[in-house]
C-alpha atoms as a PDB file:
ATOM      1  CA  UNK A   1     -11.083  85.021   4.145  1.00  0.00           C
ATOM      2  CA  UNK A   2      -8.103  86.695   1.800  1.00  0.00           C
ATOM      3  CA  UNK A   3      -8.667  90.550   1.988  1.00  0.00           C
ATOM      4  CA  UNK A   4      -8.786  91.530  -1.928  1.00  0.00           C
ATOM      5  CA  UNK A   5      -7.491  95.398  -2.463  1.00  0.00           C
ATOM      6  CA  UNK A   6      -6.753  97.750  -4.702  1.00  0.00           C
ATOM      7  CA  UNK A   7      -5.696 101.809  -4.734  1.00  0.00           C
ATOM      8  CA  UNK A   8      -8.220 104.754  -5.706  1.00  0.00           C
ATOM      9  CA  UNK A   9      -5.336 105.326  -7.746  1.00  0.00           C
ATOM     10  CA  UNK A  10      -5.808 101.741  -9.557  1.00  0.00           C
ATOM     11  CA  UNK A  11      -9.480 102.785 -10.573  1.00  0.00           C
ATOM     12  CA  UNK A  12      -8.732 106.764 -11.319  1.00  0.00           C
ATOM     13  CA  UNK A  13      -6.224 105.155 -13.708  1.00  0.00           C
ATOM     14  CA  UNK A  14      -8.683 102.498 -15.643  1.00  0.00           C
ATOM     15  CA  UNK A  15     -11.663 105.192 -15.582  1.00  0.00           C
ATOM     16  CA  UNK A  16      -9.303 108.251 -16.124  1.00  0.00           C
ATOM     17  CA  UNK A  17     -10.278 108.029 -19.642  1.00  0.00           C
ATOM     18  CA  UNK A  18     -14.256 107.264 -20.146  1.00  0.00           C
ATOM     19  CA  UNK A  19     -14.961 109.524 -17.108  1.00  0.00           C
ATOM     20  CA  UNK A  20     -13.041 112.334 -17.785  1.00  0.00           C
ATOM     21  CA  UNK A  21     -11.810 112.355 -14.457  1.00  0.00           C
ATOM     22  CA  UNK A  22     -10.425 115.011 -12.893  1.00  0.00           C
ATOM     23  CA  UNK A  23      -7.735 115.265  -9.190  1.00  0.00           C
ATOM     24  CA  UNK A  24      -8.694 118.000  -7.095  1.00  0.00           C
ATOM     25  CA  UNK A  25      -6.514 117.673  -4.307  1.00  0.00           C
ATOM     26  CA  UNK A  26      -6.163 114.065  -1.265  1.00  0.00           C
ATOM     27  CA  UNK A  27      -4.604 111.207  -1.362  1.00  0.00           C
ATOM     28  CA  UNK A  28      -4.645 108.678  -4.449  1.00  0.00           C
ATOM     29  CA  UNK A  29      -2.898 105.744  -2.576  1.00  0.00           C
ATOM     30  CA  UNK A  30      -5.703 104.676  -0.060  1.00  0.00           C
ATOM     31  CA  UNK A  31      -7.001 101.687  -0.704  1.00  0.00           C
ATOM     32  CA  UNK A  32     -10.337  99.934  -2.006  1.00  0.00           C
ATOM     33  CA  UNK A  33     -11.049  96.598  -0.190  1.00  0.00           C
ATOM     34  CA  UNK A  34     -13.375  93.453   0.714  1.00  0.00           C
ATOM     35  CA  UNK A  35     -12.597  92.345   4.025  1.00  0.00           C
ATOM     36  CA  UNK A  36     -15.953  90.543   4.491  1.00  0.00           C
ATOM     37  CA  UNK A  37     -17.953  87.612   2.493  1.00  0.00           C
ATOM     38  CA  UNK A  38     -21.087  89.521   3.189  1.00  0.00           C
ATOM     39  CA  UNK A  39     -20.031  92.281   1.299  1.00  0.00           C
ATOM     40  CA  UNK A  40     -20.689  92.910  -2.763  1.00  0.00           C
ATOM     41  CA  UNK A  41     -17.533  94.628  -4.399  1.00  0.00           C
ATOM     42  CA  UNK A  42     -20.094  96.852  -6.202  1.00  0.00           C
ATOM     43  CA  UNK A  43     -21.138  98.203  -3.330  1.00  0.00           C
ATOM     44  CA  UNK A  44     -18.452 100.003  -2.548  1.00  0.00           C
ATOM     45  CA  UNK A  45     -19.080 102.979  -4.262  1.00  0.00           C
ATOM     46  CA  UNK A  46     -22.866 104.330  -4.331  1.00  0.00           C
ATOM     47  CA  UNK A  47     -24.420 108.028  -3.678  1.00  0.00           C
ATOM     48  CA  UNK A  48     -23.648 110.219  -1.095  1.00  0.00           C
ATOM     49  CA  UNK A  49     -24.465 107.933   2.091  1.00  0.00           C
ATOM     50  CA  UNK A  50     -24.018 109.203   5.769  1.00  0.00           C
ATOM     51  CA  UNK A  51     -25.252 104.977   6.354  1.00  0.00           C
ATOM     52  CA  UNK A  52     -21.996 104.353   4.078  1.00  0.00           C
ATOM     53  CA  UNK A  53     -19.432 106.822   4.529  1.00  0.00           C
ATOM     54  CA  UNK A  54     -16.620 104.194   3.926  1.00  0.00           C
ATOM     55  CA  UNK A  55     -17.641 103.848   0.417  1.00  0.00           C
ATOM     56  CA  UNK A  56     -16.477 106.045  -2.532  1.00  0.00           C
ATOM     57  CA  UNK A  57     -18.463 108.470  -2.796  1.00  0.00           C
ATOM     58  CA  UNK A  58     -20.421 110.145  -5.484  1.00  0.00           C
ATOM     59  CA  UNK A  59     -21.925 113.574  -5.713  1.00  0.00           C
ATOM     60  CA  UNK A  60     -24.228 114.793  -8.643  1.00  0.00           C
ATOM     61  CA  UNK A  61     -26.379 117.417  -9.693  1.00  0.00           C
ATOM     62  CA  UNK A  62     -29.478 115.965  -6.836  1.00  0.00           C
ATOM     63  CA  UNK A  63     -27.578 116.115  -3.983  1.00  0.00           C
ATOM     64  CA  UNK A  64     -25.778 119.569  -4.759  1.00  0.00           C
ATOM     65  CA  UNK A  65     -29.867 120.652  -5.543  1.00  0.00           C
ATOM     66  CA  UNK A  66     -30.731 119.637  -1.873  1.00  0.00           C
ATOM     67  CA  UNK A  67     -27.839 121.297  -0.103  1.00  0.00           C
ATOM     68  CA  UNK A  68     -28.997 124.147  -1.526  1.00  0.00           C
ATOM     69  CA  UNK A  69     -31.930 124.403   0.241  1.00  0.00           C
ATOM     70  CA  UNK A  70     -30.348 123.637   3.213  1.00  0.00           C
ATOM     71  CA  UNK A  71     -28.738 125.961   5.868  1.00  0.00           C
ATOM     72  CA  UNK A  72     -25.107 126.277   5.599  1.00  0.00           C
ATOM     73  CA  UNK A  73     -24.776 124.684   9.317  1.00  0.00           C
ATOM     74  CA  UNK A  74     -26.475 121.356   7.935  1.00  0.00           C
ATOM     75  CA  UNK A  75     -24.712 120.935   5.153  1.00  0.00           C
ATOM     76  CA  UNK A  76     -21.429 121.667   6.789  1.00  0.00           C
ATOM     77  CA  UNK A  77     -21.965 119.124   9.456  1.00  0.00           C
ATOM     78  CA  UNK A  78     -23.322 116.630   7.138  1.00  0.00           C
ATOM     79  CA  UNK A  79     -20.400 116.504   4.731  1.00  0.00           C
ATOM     80  CA  UNK A  80     -18.007 116.764   8.252  1.00  0.00           C
ATOM     81  CA  UNK A  81     -19.638 113.463   9.274  1.00  0.00           C
ATOM     82  CA  UNK A  82     -18.600 111.911   5.993  1.00  0.00           C
ATOM     83  CA  UNK A  83     -15.002 113.046   5.321  1.00  0.00           C
ATOM     84  CA  UNK A  84     -13.996 112.164   9.247  1.00  0.00           C
ATOM     85  CA  UNK A  85     -15.129 108.733   8.278  1.00  0.00           C
ATOM     86  CA  UNK A  86     -11.671 109.082   5.707  1.00  0.00           C
ATOM     87  CA  UNK A  87     -13.726 107.358   2.987  1.00  0.00           C
ATOM     88  CA  UNK A  88     -11.057 106.498  -0.011  1.00  0.00           C
ATOM     89  CA  UNK A  89     -12.713 109.149  -2.568  1.00  0.00           C
ATOM     90  CA  UNK A  90     -15.492 111.388  -3.106  1.00  0.00           C
ATOM     91  CA  UNK A  91     -16.551 112.178  -6.850  1.00  0.00           C
ATOM     92  CA  UNK A  92     -18.337 115.251  -7.690  1.00  0.00           C
ATOM     93  CA  UNK A  93     -20.256 113.990 -11.326  1.00  0.00           C
ATOM     94  CA  UNK A  94     -22.360 115.885 -13.428  1.00  0.00           C
ATOM     95  CA  UNK A  95     -20.171 118.500 -14.628  1.00  0.00           C
ATOM     96  CA  UNK A  96     -21.054 120.544 -11.406  1.00  0.00           C
ATOM     97  CA  UNK A  97     -19.132 122.638  -9.484  1.00  0.00           C
ATOM     98  CA  UNK A  98     -17.304 121.541  -6.012  1.00  0.00           C
ATOM     99  CA  UNK A  99     -18.518 123.058  -3.078  1.00  0.00           C
ATOM    100  CA  UNK A 100     -16.279 124.878  -1.478  1.00  0.00           C
ATOM    101  CA  UNK A 101     -17.160 123.582   2.008  1.00  0.00           C
ATOM    102  CA  UNK A 102     -16.571 120.222  -0.002  1.00  0.00           C
ATOM    103  CA  UNK A 103     -13.261 120.912  -1.110  1.00  0.00           C
ATOM    104  CA  UNK A 104     -12.008 122.257   2.154  1.00  0.00           C
ATOM    105  CA  UNK A 105     -13.146 119.062   4.115  1.00  0.00           C
ATOM    106  CA  UNK A 106     -10.999 116.858   1.529  1.00  0.00           C
ATOM    107  CA  UNK A 107      -8.119 118.922   1.795  1.00  0.00           C
ATOM    108  CA  UNK A 108      -7.892 118.325   5.393  1.00  0.00           C
ATOM    109  CA  UNK A 109      -8.651 115.492   5.619  1.00  0.00           C
ATOM    110  CA  UNK A 110      -6.159 114.358   2.597  1.00  0.00           C
ATOM    111  CA  UNK A 111      -9.767 112.173   0.702  1.00  0.00           C
ATOM    112  CA  UNK A 112      -8.973 112.089  -2.655  1.00  0.00           C
ATOM    113  CA  UNK A 113     -11.644 114.691  -4.140  1.00  0.00           C
ATOM    114  CA  UNK A 114     -12.147 113.532  -7.995  1.00  0.00           C
ATOM    115  CA  UNK A 115     -14.672 115.947 -10.415  1.00  0.00           C
ATOM    116  CA  UNK A 116     -15.886 114.266 -13.612  1.00  0.00           C
ATOM    117  CA  UNK A 117     -18.775 116.047 -16.395  1.00  0.00           C
ATOM    118  CA  UNK A 118     -20.706 112.344 -16.586  1.00  0.00           C
ATOM    119  CA  UNK A 119     -24.268 111.300 -15.113  1.00  0.00           C
ATOM    120  CA  UNK A 120     -23.628 110.839 -11.570  1.00  0.00           C
ATOM    121  CA  UNK A 121     -25.616 107.542 -12.917  1.00  0.00           C
ATOM    122  CA  UNK A 122     -23.123 106.554 -15.052  1.00  0.00           C
ATOM    123  CA  UNK A 123     -19.972 107.135 -12.654  1.00  0.00           C
ATOM    124  CA  UNK A 124     -21.518 105.024 -10.222  1.00  0.00           C
ATOM    125  CA  UNK A 125     -21.991 102.026 -13.226  1.00  0.00           C
ATOM    126  CA  UNK A 126     -18.320 102.113 -14.400  1.00  0.00           C
ATOM    127  CA  UNK A 127     -16.868 102.536 -10.936  1.00  0.00           C
ATOM    128  CA  UNK A 128     -19.002  99.490  -9.567  1.00  0.00           C
ATOM    129  CA  UNK A 129     -18.337  97.687 -12.725  1.00  0.00           C
ATOM    130  CA  UNK A 130     -14.598  98.389 -12.687  1.00  0.00           C
ATOM    131  CA  UNK A 131     -14.336  97.224  -8.684  1.00  0.00           C
ATOM    132  CA  UNK A 132     -16.194  94.430  -9.110  1.00  0.00           C
ATOM    133  CA  UNK A 133     -13.949  93.158 -11.209  1.00  0.00           C
ATOM    134  CA  UNK A 134     -10.387  94.046  -9.620  1.00  0.00           C
ATOM    135  CA  UNK A 135     -11.749  92.774  -6.408  1.00  0.00           C
ATOM    136  CA  UNK A 136     -13.607  89.462  -7.860  1.00  0.00           C
ATOM    137  CA  UNK A 137     -12.996  86.321  -5.903  1.00  0.00           C
ATOM    138  CA  UNK A 138     -10.722  84.465  -7.954  1.00  0.00           C
ATOM    139  CA  UNK A 139      -9.666  80.945  -8.381  1.00  0.00           C
ATOM    140  CA  UNK A 140      -7.620  78.687 -10.887  1.00  0.00           C
ATOM    141  CA  UNK A 141      -9.011  75.126 -12.060  1.00  0.00           C
ATOM    142  CA  UNK A 142      -7.578  72.828 -13.968  1.00  0.00           C
ATOM    143  CA  UNK A 143      -8.885  72.284 -17.456  1.00  0.00           C
ATOM    144  CA  UNK A 144      -9.417  73.558 -20.743  1.00  0.00           C
ATOM    145  CA  UNK A 145     -12.004  76.316 -21.510  1.00  0.00           C
ATOM    146  CA  UNK A 146     -13.764  76.848 -24.709  1.00  0.00           C
ATOM    147  CA  UNK A 147     -16.240  79.189 -26.312  1.00  0.00           C
ATOM    148  CA  UNK A 148     -18.810  76.690 -28.384  1.00  0.00           C
ATOM    149  CA  UNK A 149     -21.744  77.607 -29.974  1.00  0.00           C
ATOM    150  CA  UNK A 150     -20.892  81.096 -28.138  1.00  0.00           C
ATOM    151  CA  UNK A 151     -20.984  79.063 -24.529  1.00  0.00           C
ATOM    152  CA  UNK A 152     -18.219  79.154 -22.284  1.00  0.00           C
ATOM    153  CA  UNK A 153     -17.341  75.522 -21.920  1.00  0.00           C
ATOM    154  CA  UNK A 154     -14.998  74.352 -18.856  1.00  0.00           C
ATOM    155  CA  UNK A 155     -13.713  70.652 -19.857  1.00  0.00           C
ATOM    156  CA  UNK A 156     -12.690  68.279 -16.664  1.00  0.00           C
ATOM    157  CA  UNK A 157     -11.439  64.894 -16.451  1.00  0.00           C
ATOM    158  CA  UNK A 158      -8.538  62.935 -15.309  1.00  0.00           C
ATOM    159  CA  UNK A 159      -4.817  62.946 -17.087  1.00  0.00           C
ATOM    160  CA  UNK A 160      -4.682  61.255 -19.924  1.00  0.00           C
ATOM    161  CA  UNK A 161      -9.104  61.511 -21.075  1.00  0.00           C
ATOM    162  CA  UNK A 162      -7.925  63.368 -24.160  1.00  0.00           C
ATOM    163  CA  UNK A 163      -8.776  66.940 -23.302  1.00  0.00           C
ATOM    164  CA  UNK A 164      -6.430  68.500 -24.545  1.00  0.00           C
ATOM    165  CA  UNK A 165      -7.117  66.577 -28.052  1.00  0.00           C
ATOM    166  CA  UNK A 166     -10.938  67.398 -27.761  1.00  0.00           C
ATOM    167  CA  UNK A 167     -10.160  71.119 -27.553  1.00  0.00           C
ATOM    168  CA  UNK A 168      -8.308  70.469 -30.601  1.00  0.00           C
ATOM    169  CA  UNK A 169     -10.910  69.183 -32.976  1.00  0.00           C
ATOM    170  CA  UNK A 170     -13.087  71.761 -31.554  1.00  0.00           C
ATOM    171  CA  UNK A 171     -10.660  74.612 -32.725  1.00  0.00           C
ATOM    172  CA  UNK A 172     -10.383  72.732 -35.875  1.00  0.00           C
ATOM    173  CA  UNK A 173     -14.573  72.792 -35.808  1.00  0.00           C
ATOM    174  CA  UNK A 174     -14.610  76.459 -35.852  1.00  0.00           C
ATOM    175  CA  UNK A 175     -14.760  76.738 -32.170  1.00  0.00           C
ATOM    176  CA  UNK A 176     -12.475  79.281 -29.396  1.00  0.00           C
ATOM    177  CA  UNK A 177      -9.852  78.457 -27.300  1.00  0.00           C
ATOM    178  CA  UNK A 178      -9.974  80.621 -23.733  1.00  0.00           C
ATOM    179  CA  UNK A 179      -7.126  78.973 -21.795  1.00  0.00           C
ATOM    180  CA  UNK A 180      -5.806  75.308 -21.525  1.00  0.00           C
ATOM    181  CA  UNK A 181      -4.487  73.896 -18.402  1.00  0.00           C
ATOM    182  CA  UNK A 182      -4.816  76.648 -15.916  1.00  0.00           C
ATOM    183  CA  UNK A 183      -8.307  78.426 -15.854  1.00  0.00           C
ATOM    184  CA  UNK A 184      -8.579  81.923 -14.277  1.00  0.00           C
ATOM    185  CA  UNK A 185     -12.079  81.887 -12.930  1.00  0.00           C
ATOM    186  CA  UNK A 186     -13.287  84.785 -10.833  1.00  0.00           C
ATOM    187  CA  UNK A 187     -16.724  85.674  -9.178  1.00  0.00           C
ATOM    188  CA  UNK A 188     -17.940  88.913 -11.448  1.00  0.00           C
ATOM    189  CA  UNK A 189     -21.476  89.082 -10.351  1.00  0.00           C
ATOM    190  CA  UNK A 190     -23.619  86.954  -7.529  1.00  0.00           C
ATOM    191  CA  UNK A 191     -24.491  84.183 -10.392  1.00  0.00           C
ATOM    192  CA  UNK A 192     -21.836  84.760 -13.055  1.00  0.00           C
ATOM    193  CA  UNK A 193     -18.469  83.674 -12.908  1.00  0.00           C
ATOM    194  CA  UNK A 194     -16.035  84.634 -15.974  1.00  0.00           C
ATOM    195  CA  UNK A 195     -12.934  82.676 -17.083  1.00  0.00           C
ATOM    196  CA  UNK A 196      -9.924  83.857 -18.467  1.00  0.00           C
ATOM    197  CA  UNK A 197      -6.111  82.366 -19.414  1.00  0.00           C
ATOM    198  CA  UNK A 198      -3.008  83.010 -17.344  1.00  0.00           C
ATOM    199  CA  UNK A 199      -0.419  85.706 -19.088  1.00  0.00           C
ATOM    200  CA  UNK A 200       1.787  82.938 -19.285  1.00  0.00           C
ATOM    201  CA  UNK A 201      -0.418  80.397 -21.141  1.00  0.00           C
ATOM    202  CA  UNK A 202      -2.128  82.591 -23.653  1.00  0.00           C
ATOM    203  CA  UNK A 203      -2.922  80.978 -27.071  1.00  0.00           C
ATOM    204  CA  UNK A 204      -0.980  78.126 -26.079  1.00  0.00           C
ATOM    205  CA  UNK A 205      -2.720  74.568 -26.319  1.00  0.00           C
ATOM    206  CA  UNK A 206      -0.821  71.339 -24.999  1.00  0.00           C
ATOM    207  CA  UNK A 207      -1.426  68.051 -26.395  1.00  0.00           C
ATOM    208  CA  UNK A 208       0.842  64.935 -26.315  1.00  0.00           C
ATOM    209  CA  UNK A 209       3.116  64.320 -29.217  1.00  0.00           C
ATOM    210  CA  UNK A 210       2.847  67.647 -30.147  1.00  0.00           C
ATOM    211  CA  UNK A 211       3.873  70.139 -26.970  1.00  0.00           C
ATOM    212  CA  UNK A 212       2.874  73.119 -27.297  1.00  0.00           C
ATOM    213  CA  UNK A 213       0.721  74.802 -30.050  1.00  0.00           C
ATOM    214  CA  UNK A 214       0.408  78.097 -30.790  1.00  0.00           C
ATOM    215  CA  UNK A 215      -3.553  78.052 -31.480  1.00  0.00           C
ATOM    216  CA  UNK A 216      -3.942  81.740 -32.358  1.00  0.00           C
ATOM    217  CA  UNK A 217      -0.680  81.641 -34.568  1.00  0.00           C
ATOM    218  CA  UNK A 218      -1.768  78.229 -37.107  1.00  0.00           C
ATOM    219  CA  UNK A 219      -6.045  78.716 -36.789  1.00  0.00           C
ATOM    220  CA  UNK A 220      -5.341  82.064 -36.646  1.00  0.00           C
ATOM    221  CA  UNK A 221      -7.313  84.902 -34.870  1.00  0.00           C
ATOM    222  CA  UNK A 222     -11.117  84.338 -34.644  1.00  0.00           C
ATOM    223  CA  UNK A 223      -9.643  80.596 -32.733  1.00  0.00           C
ATOM    224  CA  UNK A 224      -8.422  82.054 -29.620  1.00  0.00           C
ATOM    225  CA  UNK A 225     -11.010  83.957 -27.107  1.00  0.00           C
ATOM    226  CA  UNK A 226      -9.485  86.279 -24.008  1.00  0.00           C
ATOM    227  CA  UNK A 227     -12.379  85.914 -21.761  1.00  0.00           C
ATOM    228  CA  UNK A 228     -15.804  83.804 -21.680  1.00  0.00           C
ATOM    229  CA  UNK A 229     -18.611  83.385 -18.854  1.00  0.00           C
ATOM    230  CA  UNK A 230     -18.329  79.891 -17.988  1.00  0.00           C
ATOM    231  CA  UNK A 231     -22.047  78.592 -18.046  1.00  0.00           C
ATOM    232  CA  UNK A 232     -21.472  75.001 -18.759  1.00  0.00           C
ATOM    233  CA  UNK A 233     -18.718  72.217 -16.806  1.00  0.00           C
ATOM    234  CA  UNK A 234     -18.461  68.557 -19.416  1.00  0.00           C
ATOM    235  CA  UNK A 235     -16.595  65.990 -17.568  1.00  0.00           C
ATOM    236  CA  UNK A 236     -14.642  63.688 -19.209  1.00  0.00           C
ATOM    237  CA  UNK A 237     -14.675  59.982 -17.366  1.00  0.00           C
ATOM    238  CA  UNK A 238     -12.925  57.096 -18.691  1.00  0.00           C
ATOM    239  CA  UNK A 239     -14.648  53.899 -18.895  1.00  0.00           C
ATOM    240  CA  UNK A 240     -13.866  50.210 -17.269  1.00  0.00           C
ATOM    241  CA  UNK A 241     -15.283  46.753 -16.000  1.00  0.00           C
ATOM    242  CA  UNK A 242     -14.890  48.557 -12.910  1.00  0.00           C
ATOM    243  CA  UNK A 243     -17.027  51.564 -13.160  1.00  0.00           C
ATOM    244  CA  UNK A 244     -20.411  52.108 -12.078  1.00  0.00           C
ATOM    245  CA  UNK A 245     -22.063  52.480 -15.673  1.00  0.00           C
ATOM    246  CA  UNK A 246     -23.602  55.715 -15.797  1.00  0.00           C
ATOM    247  CA  UNK A 247     -27.968  56.202 -16.331  1.00  0.00           C
ATOM    248  CA  UNK A 248     -28.672  56.253 -19.551  1.00  0.00           C
ATOM    249  CA  UNK A 249     -31.430  59.168 -18.736  1.00  0.00           C
ATOM    250  CA  UNK A 250     -30.403  61.982 -16.847  1.00  0.00           C
ATOM    251  CA  UNK A 251     -33.151  62.780 -14.563  1.00  0.00           C
ATOM    252  CA  UNK A 252     -31.537  65.216 -12.188  1.00  0.00           C
ATOM    253  CA  UNK A 253     -28.951  67.785 -13.321  1.00  0.00           C
ATOM    254  CA  UNK A 254     -25.994  67.655 -11.786  1.00  0.00           C
ATOM    255  CA  UNK A 255     -24.374  70.910 -11.064  1.00  0.00           C
ATOM    256  CA  UNK A 256     -20.882  71.999  -9.530  1.00  0.00           C
ATOM    257  CA  UNK A 257     -20.569  74.786  -7.246  1.00  0.00           C
ATOM    258  CA  UNK A 258     -17.562  77.694  -7.880  1.00  0.00           C
ATOM    259  CA  UNK A 259     -17.067  80.117  -5.574  1.00  0.00           C
ATOM    260  CA  UNK A 260     -20.591  80.052  -4.856  1.00  0.00           C
ATOM    261  CA  UNK A 261     -22.094  79.806  -7.709  1.00  0.00           C
ATOM    262  CA  UNK A 262     -24.018  76.624  -8.947  1.00  0.00           C
ATOM    263  CA  UNK A 263     -22.854  75.571 -12.421  1.00  0.00           C
ATOM    264  CA  UNK A 264     -24.172  73.278 -14.769  1.00  0.00           C
ATOM    265  CA  UNK A 265     -22.106  69.874 -14.919  1.00  0.00           C
ATOM    266  CA  UNK A 266     -22.643  66.851 -18.236  1.00  0.00           C
ATOM    267  CA  UNK A 267     -20.355  63.999 -17.555  1.00  0.00           C
ATOM    268  CA  UNK A 268     -19.207  62.505 -21.142  1.00  0.00           C
ATOM    269  CA  UNK A 269     -18.303  58.717 -21.406  1.00  0.00           C
ATOM    270  CA  UNK A 270     -14.799  58.385 -22.850  1.00  0.00           C
ATOM    271  CA  UNK A 271     -14.268  55.273 -24.791  1.00  0.00           C
ATOM    272  CA  UNK A 272     -12.894  54.140 -27.910  1.00  0.00           C
ATOM    273  CA  UNK A 273     -15.152  54.858 -31.051  1.00  0.00           C
ATOM    274  CA  UNK A 274     -17.154  57.440 -29.662  1.00  0.00           C
ATOM    275  CA  UNK A 275     -16.544  61.541 -31.814  1.00  0.00           C
ATOM    276  CA  UNK A 276     -16.287  63.708 -28.015  1.00  0.00           C
ATOM    277  CA  UNK A 277     -16.398  66.681 -30.120  1.00  0.00           C
ATOM    278  CA  UNK A 278     -19.879  65.450 -31.488  1.00  0.00           C
ATOM    279  CA  UNK A 279     -20.772  65.009 -28.032  1.00  0.00           C
ATOM    280  CA  UNK A 280     -20.147  67.660 -26.748  1.00  0.00           C
ATOM    281  CA  UNK A 281     -21.460  69.753 -29.236  1.00  0.00           C
ATOM    282  CA  UNK A 282     -24.574  67.857 -28.737  1.00  0.00           C
ATOM    283  CA  UNK A 283     -24.281  68.734 -24.997  1.00  0.00           C
ATOM    284  CA  UNK A 284     -23.792  72.963 -25.341  1.00  0.00           C
ATOM    285  CA  UNK A 285     -26.797  72.285 -27.795  1.00  0.00           C
ATOM    286  CA  UNK A 286     -28.988  70.711 -25.430  1.00  0.00           C
ATOM    287  CA  UNK A 287     -27.994  72.479 -22.792  1.00  0.00           C
ATOM    288  CA  UNK A 288     -29.572  76.209 -24.810  1.00  0.00           C
ATOM    289  CA  UNK A 289     -32.043  74.526 -25.759  1.00  0.00           C
ATOM    290  CA  UNK A 290     -33.078  73.743 -21.875  1.00  0.00           C
ATOM    291  CA  UNK A 291     -32.134  77.575 -21.154  1.00  0.00           C
ATOM    292  CA  UNK A 292     -35.089  78.702 -23.745  1.00  0.00           C
ATOM    293  CA  UNK A 293     -37.303  76.225 -21.680  1.00  0.00           C
ATOM    294  CA  UNK A 294     -36.782  72.867 -23.859  1.00  0.00           C
ATOM    295  CA  UNK A 295     -36.008  69.988 -22.494  1.00  0.00           C
ATOM    296  CA  UNK A 296     -36.381  66.491 -24.210  1.00  0.00           C
ATOM    297  CA  UNK A 297     -35.608  64.259 -20.856  1.00  0.00           C
ATOM    298  CA  UNK A 298     -38.615  65.946 -19.617  1.00  0.00           C
ATOM    299  CA  UNK A 299     -40.797  65.826 -22.477  1.00  0.00           C
ATOM    300  CA  UNK A 300     -40.114  62.569 -23.509  1.00  0.00           C
ATOM    301  CA  UNK A 301     -41.061  61.248 -19.882  1.00  0.00           C
ATOM    302  CA  UNK A 302     -44.183  63.212 -20.058  1.00  0.00           C
ATOM    303  CA  UNK A 303     -45.504  61.869 -23.402  1.00  0.00           C
ATOM    304  CA  UNK A 304     -44.297  58.528 -21.886  1.00  0.00           C
ATOM    305  CA  UNK A 305     -46.424  59.329 -19.131  1.00  0.00           C
ATOM    306  CA  UNK A 306     -49.475  59.842 -21.242  1.00  0.00           C
ATOM    307  CA  UNK A 307     -49.197  56.722 -22.997  1.00  0.00           C
ATOM    308  CA  UNK A 308     -49.286  54.978 -19.932  1.00  0.00           C
ATOM    309  CA  UNK A 309     -52.378  57.110 -18.888  1.00  0.00           C
ATOM    310  CA  UNK A 310     -54.093  56.351 -22.404  1.00  0.00           C
ATOM    311  CA  UNK A 311     -53.125  52.322 -21.891  1.00  0.00           C
ATOM    312  CA  UNK A 312     -54.797  52.289 -18.545  1.00  0.00           C
ATOM    313  CA  UNK A 313     -58.088  54.051 -19.349  1.00  0.00           C
ATOM    314  CA  UNK A 314     -58.356  51.530 -22.418  1.00  0.00           C
ATOM    315  CA  UNK A 315     -57.366  48.610 -19.933  1.00  0.00           C
ATOM    316  CA  UNK A 316     -60.718  50.128 -18.084  1.00  0.00           C
ATOM    317  CA  UNK A 317     -63.487  50.273 -20.493  1.00  0.00           C
ATOM    318  CA  UNK A 318     -65.929  47.893 -21.113  1.00  0.00           C
ATOM    319  CA  UNK A 319     -65.544  46.331 -24.153  1.00  0.00           C
ATOM    320  CA  UNK A 320     -68.563  47.095 -26.173  1.00  0.00           C
ATOM    321  CA  UNK A 321     -70.902  44.120 -27.822  1.00  0.00           C
END
């Protein structure tokens, strides 16, 4: 597994304004890294903890209130154990006063010591969100990522199946373009994927015969999106006499795994005369209904089974004389 890492300085630069961070002492070039697939990036920051001394340590009013009741020798021992493990940084939150012994140890071990007037819970949440995004697993997928009815939809398929033409039609129907051809996908939580467009390709859509179209310039600001959660994949499949016909009823849900996350997938046959934009919109609406617990196929099967049971009972009932 490739090592994913950032620096304390990069985190401080991103969060200095919302958290009003102040650097008291220590090295800001220390790295924060994920070296194990079993470690989630958000786990790299938390309250003061001897069990995980290698993560970013946040000291709040609760920890300082506890320390005020303990002997000085015990506090020095605990802080010495943590600072000896060289955590990337220690953050004193809640606007609390930095204990002299803590600042002394941070200076000795060259550990970045930061302060913030914001609540410790907020400091931890903001650092976790930022670290989760900066150190997220990433991959590049071929396709077109669209915002269709508020749902992030990745359109995939072989070359020449009309992915870009479909995306252009969807834009004219009021939906939004996120990325064309190369989609950057990051796993921002255990069950969530986020798609973005590489900076080089932002706002562009390549259509055969027309070349590159600047969607933002042609259709306006509302026609493009900066990012979207990937919720659904629609795969375009060209029909031919040699291909196996797709089943009329989809009895089992189809999923595609991306970075360990299962994403629902719908296959749409491509053929002359089919309105692919309408079909894709219908697929998205059906997906939203399933999220609400409404499954049209299962409801039809239940209705069919109920009718068969009624017919069976009618046949078994002896005729009245």
